[in-house]
Protein backbone atom coordinates (compact mmCIF):
# COMPACT_ATOMS: atom_id res chain seq x y z
CA MET A 1 0.00 0.00 0.00
CA THR A 2 1.34 3.43 -0.96
CA THR A 3 2.17 5.73 1.93
CA ILE A 4 0.33 9.05 1.65
CA PRO A 5 2.12 12.16 2.99
CA ASN A 6 0.42 13.77 5.96
CA TRP A 7 0.34 17.15 4.24
CA ASP A 8 -1.68 15.59 1.38
CA ILE A 9 -4.26 14.34 3.86
CA PHE A 10 -4.34 17.70 5.63
CA ILE A 11 -4.90 19.66 2.40
CA ILE A 12 -7.61 17.30 1.16
CA GLN A 13 -9.45 17.34 4.50
CA GLY A 14 -9.22 21.13 4.62
CA LEU A 15 -10.64 21.49 1.12
CA ILE A 16 -13.48 19.09 1.91
CA LEU A 17 -14.34 21.05 5.06
CA VAL A 18 -14.31 24.41 3.26
CA LEU A 19 -16.39 23.09 0.37
CA GLY A 20 -18.86 21.42 2.74
CA VAL A 21 -19.41 24.53 4.84
CA THR A 22 -19.70 26.75 1.76
CA SER A 23 -22.12 24.37 0.05
CA LEU A 24 -24.35 24.13 3.12
CA SER A 25 -24.28 27.89 3.69
CA LEU A 26 -25.20 28.67 0.09
CA SER A 27 -28.02 26.09 0.08
CA MET A 28 -29.51 27.56 3.25
CA TRP A 29 -29.14 31.09 1.91
CA ALA A 30 -30.80 30.19 -1.40
CA ALA A 31 -33.68 28.45 0.39
CA ARG A 32 -34.24 31.39 2.72
CA ALA A 33 -33.92 34.13 0.11
CA GLY A 34 -35.43 32.28 -2.85
CA SER A 35 -32.50 33.48 -4.98
CA PRO A 36 -31.78 31.48 -8.16
CA ILE A 37 -28.34 33.10 -8.45
CA VAL A 38 -27.25 31.93 -5.00
CA ALA A 39 -28.75 28.52 -5.81
CA ILE A 40 -26.53 28.24 -8.90
CA PHE A 41 -23.37 28.79 -6.86
CA GLY A 42 -24.71 26.39 -4.24
CA ARG A 43 -25.09 23.63 -6.83
CA TRP A 44 -21.52 24.11 -8.08
CA PHE A 45 -20.12 23.93 -4.57
CA ARG A 46 -22.27 20.88 -3.79
CA TRP A 47 -20.91 19.17 -6.91
CA LEU A 48 -17.35 19.97 -5.87
CA PHE A 49 -17.95 18.97 -2.24
CA VAL A 50 -19.41 15.56 -3.07
CA SER A 51 -16.68 14.87 -5.63
CA PHE A 52 -13.86 15.94 -3.29
CA LEU A 53 -15.39 13.94 -0.43
CA ILE A 54 -15.68 10.70 -2.39
CA SER A 55 -12.37 10.94 -4.26
CA GLY A 56 -10.58 12.14 -1.10
CA THR A 57 -11.96 9.25 0.96
CA ILE A 58 -10.93 6.70 -1.66
CA TYR A 59 -7.48 8.25 -1.94
CA VAL A 60 -6.79 8.58 1.81
CA LEU A 61 -7.99 5.03 2.55
CA GLY A 62 -5.88 3.71 -0.29
CA TRP A 63 -8.66 1.70 -1.89
CA THR A 64 -7.03 2.14 -5.32
CA GLY A 65 -3.57 2.88 -6.55
CA TYR A 66 -4.69 6.02 -8.38
CA SER A 67 -3.70 9.52 -7.36
CA PHE A 68 -6.19 12.12 -6.12
CA GLY A 69 -5.75 14.02 -9.40
CA VAL A 70 -7.03 10.98 -11.31
CA LEU A 71 -9.88 10.16 -8.92
CA LEU A 72 -11.33 13.68 -8.81
CA PRO A 73 -12.34 13.94 -12.52
CA VAL A 74 -13.92 10.48 -12.27
CA THR A 75 -16.07 11.46 -9.30
CA LEU A 76 -16.98 14.77 -10.96
CA LEU A 77 -18.24 12.81 -13.97
CA ALA A 78 -19.99 10.28 -11.73
CA TRP A 79 -21.92 13.08 -9.99
CA PHE A 80 -22.94 14.53 -13.37
CA LEU A 81 -24.23 11.14 -14.52
CA THR A 82 -26.02 10.52 -11.23
CA GLU A 83 -27.75 13.90 -11.34
CA THR A 84 -28.61 13.38 -15.00
CA ALA A 85 -30.30 10.08 -14.18
CA TYR A 86 -32.19 11.69 -11.26
CA ASN A 87 -33.38 14.62 -13.40
CA TRP A 88 -34.43 12.30 -16.21
CA ILE A 89 -36.52 10.24 -13.78
CA ALA A 90 -38.05 13.44 -12.34
CA ILE A 91 -38.93 14.74 -15.82
CA SER A 92 -40.49 11.40 -16.74
CA ALA A 93 -42.54 11.50 -13.53
CA LEU A 94 -43.65 15.06 -14.32
CA SER A 95 -44.68 13.95 -17.80
CA LYS A 96 -47.00 11.32 -16.33
CA SER A 97 -48.24 13.34 -13.36
CA ASP A 98 -51.39 15.43 -13.01
CA LEU A 99 -49.36 18.62 -12.64
CA PRO A 100 -50.34 20.85 -15.60
CA LEU A 101 -47.57 21.88 -17.98
CA PHE A 102 -49.68 24.80 -19.23
CA PRO A 103 -51.81 25.69 -16.21
CA LYS A 104 -55.09 27.54 -16.50
CA PHE A 105 -55.49 30.73 -14.49
CA VAL A 106 -58.49 32.19 -12.69
CA GLU A 107 -58.96 35.51 -10.96
CA ASN A 108 -57.58 35.48 -7.45
CA GLU A 109 -60.52 36.34 -5.23
CA ARG A 110 -58.14 37.10 -2.34
CA GLY A 111 -56.48 39.85 -4.34
CA ASP A 112 -52.76 40.42 -4.75
CA GLU A 113 -51.53 38.50 -1.70
CA TRP A 114 -48.39 40.60 -2.04
CA PRO A 115 -45.51 39.39 0.17
CA SER A 116 -44.51 41.68 3.02
CA ASP A 117 -40.73 41.27 2.69
CA PRO A 118 -38.66 44.40 1.91
CA GLU A 119 -37.73 43.34 -1.64
CA SER A 120 -41.36 42.80 -2.65
CA ILE A 121 -42.42 46.11 -1.09
CA ASN A 122 -39.61 47.89 -2.95
CA LEU A 123 -40.73 46.24 -6.18
CA LYS A 124 -44.30 47.42 -5.68
CA ASN A 125 -43.11 50.95 -4.98
CA TRP A 126 -40.91 50.86 -8.09
CA LEU A 127 -43.87 49.80 -10.25
CA ARG A 128 -45.92 52.70 -8.94
CA GLY A 129 -43.03 55.10 -9.48
CA GLU A 130 -42.73 54.00 -13.11
CA GLY A 131 -46.42 54.70 -13.69
CA PHE A 132 -47.73 51.12 -13.65
CA SER A 133 -51.06 50.30 -12.05
CA ARG A 134 -52.49 46.91 -11.17
CA ARG A 135 -54.97 45.43 -13.60
CA GLN A 136 -55.71 41.99 -12.20
CA ALA A 137 -54.56 39.35 -9.70
CA LEU A 138 -54.52 35.80 -11.05
CA ILE A 139 -53.86 32.39 -9.57
CA SER A 140 -53.26 28.87 -10.85
CA TYR A 141 -53.78 25.86 -8.64
CA ILE A 142 -54.47 22.15 -8.67
CA GLU A 143 -56.81 20.84 -6.00
CA ASP A 144 -55.66 22.73 -2.87
CA GLN A 145 -52.08 23.35 -4.08
CA THR A 146 -51.15 26.80 -5.37
CA LEU A 147 -48.92 26.54 -8.42
CA MET A 148 -48.40 30.21 -9.16
CA ARG A 149 -49.80 33.65 -8.39
CA VAL A 150 -49.57 36.48 -10.89
CA SER A 151 -50.17 40.19 -10.39
CA VAL A 152 -50.57 42.01 -13.69
CA PHE A 153 -49.63 45.68 -14.08
CA GLU A 154 -49.99 48.05 -17.04
CA ASN A 155 -48.77 51.49 -17.95
CA GLU A 156 -51.28 54.26 -18.61
CA SER A 157 -51.33 53.73 -22.39
CA GLN A 158 -51.73 49.95 -21.91
CA THR A 159 -48.84 49.30 -24.30
CA HIS A 160 -46.63 47.63 -21.68
CA ARG A 161 -47.85 44.86 -19.45
CA ILE A 162 -45.88 43.36 -16.55
CA HIS A 163 -46.56 40.00 -14.95
CA VAL A 164 -45.19 39.69 -11.43
CA LEU A 165 -44.96 35.95 -10.79
CA PHE A 166 -44.95 34.58 -7.25
CA LEU A 167 -43.58 31.03 -7.23
CA PRO A 168 -43.95 29.17 -3.92
CA ASN A 169 -41.69 26.24 -3.11
CA ASN A 170 -41.99 23.35 -0.68
CA ARG A 171 -39.88 25.20 1.90
CA GLY A 172 -42.42 27.96 2.31
CA VAL A 173 -40.34 30.53 0.39
CA THR A 174 -41.85 32.52 -2.48
CA ALA A 175 -39.58 33.50 -5.36
CA VAL A 176 -40.49 36.50 -7.49
CA CYS A 177 -39.99 36.69 -11.27
CA LEU A 178 -40.96 39.35 -13.79
CA THR A 179 -42.18 39.19 -17.37
CA PHE A 180 -42.49 42.32 -19.52
CA TYR A 181 -44.81 42.22 -22.55
CA SER A 182 -45.26 44.67 -25.41
CA LEU A 183 -47.25 44.24 -28.63
CA THR A 184 -46.28 45.90 -31.93
CA HIS A 185 -48.71 47.04 -34.60
CA LYS A 186 -47.50 44.12 -36.77
CA GLY A 187 -48.70 41.66 -34.12
CA ASP A 188 -45.27 40.75 -32.72
CA TYR A 189 -44.82 40.14 -29.01
CA VAL A 190 -41.68 41.49 -27.38
CA VAL A 191 -41.19 39.50 -24.16
CA THR A 192 -38.40 39.96 -21.62
CA ASP A 193 -38.31 37.98 -18.39
CA ASN A 194 -36.06 36.63 -15.67
CA ILE A 195 -37.86 33.32 -15.11
CA PHE A 196 -35.49 30.58 -13.94
CA LEU A 197 -37.82 27.58 -14.38
CA PRO A 198 -37.10 25.27 -17.34
CA PHE A 199 -39.60 25.13 -20.18
CA GLY A 200 -37.75 23.53 -23.09
CA GLY A 201 -40.62 23.91 -25.54
CA PHE A 202 -41.39 26.23 -28.42
CA TYR A 203 -43.03 29.65 -28.75
CA PRO A 204 -44.86 31.14 -31.75
CA GLU A 205 -42.72 32.83 -34.40
CA ASN A 206 -44.16 36.24 -33.59
CA TRP A 207 -42.95 35.98 -29.96
CA GLU A 208 -39.51 37.53 -29.55
CA ILE A 209 -38.44 36.19 -26.17
CA GLU A 210 -35.33 36.99 -24.20
CA ARG A 211 -34.92 35.16 -20.90
CA LEU A 212 -32.42 36.64 -18.44
CA PRO A 213 -32.48 34.66 -15.18
CA TRP A 214 -29.41 36.51 -13.87
CA LYS A 215 -31.12 39.91 -14.03
CA ARG A 216 -32.99 40.04 -10.73
CA SER A 217 -33.28 43.85 -10.74
CA ALA A 218 -36.64 45.08 -12.04
CA ARG A 219 -35.07 48.34 -13.17
CA ARG A 220 -32.34 46.64 -15.20
CA LEU A 221 -34.78 44.16 -16.73
CA TRP A 222 -37.15 47.00 -17.64
CA THR A 223 -34.30 48.97 -19.22
CA ARG A 224 -33.35 45.94 -21.29
CA HIS A 225 -36.96 45.44 -22.39
CA LEU A 226 -37.30 49.07 -23.50
CA ALA A 227 -34.04 48.76 -25.47
CA ARG A 228 -35.42 45.72 -27.28
CA VAL A 229 -38.69 47.54 -28.03
CA ASP A 230 -36.78 50.56 -29.36
CA ALA A 231 -34.65 48.29 -31.55
CA LYS A 232 -37.82 47.04 -33.24
CA ALA A 233 -38.55 50.62 -34.37
CA GLU A 234 -42.25 49.81 -34.53
CA ASN A 235 -45.25 51.46 -32.96
CA LEU A 236 -46.85 49.66 -30.04
CA VAL A 237 -50.55 48.96 -29.73
CA PRO A 238 -52.51 48.67 -26.48
CA PHE A 239 -53.56 45.27 -25.16
CA VAL A 240 -57.22 44.57 -25.88
CA LEU A 241 -57.89 41.39 -23.93
CA SER A 242 -58.00 41.41 -20.15
CA PRO A 243 -54.96 39.85 -18.43
CA LEU A 244 -56.99 36.74 -17.54
CA GLU A 245 -58.23 36.26 -21.10
CA GLN A 246 -54.80 36.97 -22.55
CA ILE A 247 -52.82 34.60 -20.34
CA ASN A 248 -55.23 31.68 -20.84
CA ASP A 249 -55.41 32.32 -24.59
CA ASP A 250 -51.59 32.35 -24.74
CA GLN A 251 -51.39 29.13 -22.72
CA ARG A 252 -53.77 27.36 -25.12
CA SER A 253 -51.99 28.55 -28.27
CA VAL A 254 -48.50 27.67 -26.95
CA GLU A 255 -49.70 24.23 -25.83
CA GLN A 256 -51.17 23.51 -29.26
CA LEU A 257 -47.99 24.71 -30.96
CA ASN A 258 -45.92 22.30 -28.87
CA ARG A 259 -48.18 19.42 -29.85
CA ASP A 260 -47.74 20.37 -33.49
CA PHE A 261 -43.95 20.55 -33.10
CA GLY A 262 -43.66 17.17 -31.36
CA PHE A 263 -42.73 18.47 -27.94
CA LEU A 264 -45.97 16.99 -26.55
CA TYR A 265 -47.76 13.79 -27.49
CA PRO A 266 -51.24 14.05 -29.00
CA ILE A 267 -53.93 13.97 -26.30
CA VAL A 268 -55.05 10.44 -27.30
CA GLU A 269 -51.54 9.08 -26.59
CA GLU A 270 -50.96 10.80 -23.25
CA ALA A 271 -52.44 7.99 -21.16
CA GLU A 272 -49.93 5.52 -22.61
CA HIS A 273 -46.79 7.64 -23.00
CA GLY A 274 -47.25 10.65 -20.76
CA ARG A 275 -47.33 14.18 -22.11
CA LEU A 276 -43.70 14.84 -23.09
CA THR A 277 -42.23 13.07 -26.10
CA PRO A 278 -38.64 11.73 -25.85
CA GLY A 279 -37.48 14.84 -27.72
CA GLY A 280 -39.49 17.03 -25.36
CA ARG A 281 -37.96 15.36 -22.30
CA ALA A 282 -34.47 15.82 -23.74
CA ARG A 283 -35.11 19.54 -24.28
CA VAL A 284 -36.45 19.96 -20.73
CA TRP A 285 -33.43 18.09 -19.33
CA GLN A 286 -31.02 20.25 -21.35
CA GLU A 287 -32.60 23.50 -20.17
CA LEU A 288 -32.87 22.24 -16.60
CA TRP A 289 -29.12 21.60 -16.57
CA THR A 290 -28.07 24.84 -18.26
CA LEU A 291 -30.36 26.91 -16.01
CA SER A 292 -29.29 25.08 -12.85
CA TYR A 293 -25.55 25.44 -13.44
CA LEU A 294 -25.13 28.29 -15.94
CA GLY A 295 -28.27 30.38 -15.53
CA LYS A 296 -28.68 30.07 -19.28
CA PRO A 297 -31.94 29.05 -21.01
CA LEU A 298 -32.36 27.51 -24.43
CA LYS A 299 -32.67 29.71 -27.47
CA TYR A 300 -36.36 30.20 -28.20
C-alpha cells in the first residue's frame, strides 16, 4: 500500500471542510432568500464537495492505486451522470403526473396577496413610481395546491404589461420573477423575463423572447426590455384582452404549438406515454441543466 504524505491528507481534508461549509451555507441562503443566483453557486459547490469527499476518501484510505488528481475527474463525472439520471426520472414522472404543464389561471378572489418582505415592497413601490397600475390578480392551482400567483400591471397607455410571478416552493419561500410584454402594430410580441424555471418547448414565431435569469433587478430588466422595443422601431398597440383572457389564450396557443412541433404527445396518446415526447424530455433536461448550473436558457 502506498504511503500518503500527511500534508496531502491535511490539504484534502481542509478542502473538503471548506467546500462542505460553503455548500451548506449557500443552500440555506438560497432556500431562505429564494434566490436562483445563490442557488446556482450552491449547486456548483455541492458538486465539488461531493466529488472531493468521495475521491478524497478513496485516496486517503488507499482503496485504489490512483492519485487524487485521477480520482477527482472520475467522481466529478460520476456526480454529473447521477444527477442526470435523477433529473431524467423526475422529468419522466412530471410527464405522467397530473401537474399541468400549461396551467389555467383564474382571478384570485383574495387579491394580490403581495408578500410583506422588503424586496417585494420595494418592487411594488418601483412599479408605482414607473407609472404602472395593477390590472388583475390571477392564480393557478391544482386541487388545494397553489402553483403560481400572478399580479398584472400596465402602464397608462396599456402598451406595456408586466406579470409579477410569485412562485412558492416546498420550503415555504416565495420566489419572485418578472415578465415584460409589449405588442407591436404588426402583431409581434416582445417579451423579456427573468424566469429561472425550465420550459424547453417552443413559442410562436411572432414571440420575440429573451430570458435573463441573472437579471434580478426590475429596473435593469425594464431597461433591457425598453431597449429591445426601441430596436424594433415599430409602434406599439394597447392590449385589448384582459390579463386573464390573454394569459389563458396564450397558454392554449403555446400548448397547441408544442403538440404540433412534437414536444408533446397528442392527447389520445398521453395515457400511454405521458405528455412529453422523448425529444421534449431531452429539451427539458437540457434547459434544466443549463439553467441550474449556468443560468442560461435555451434559445427560443
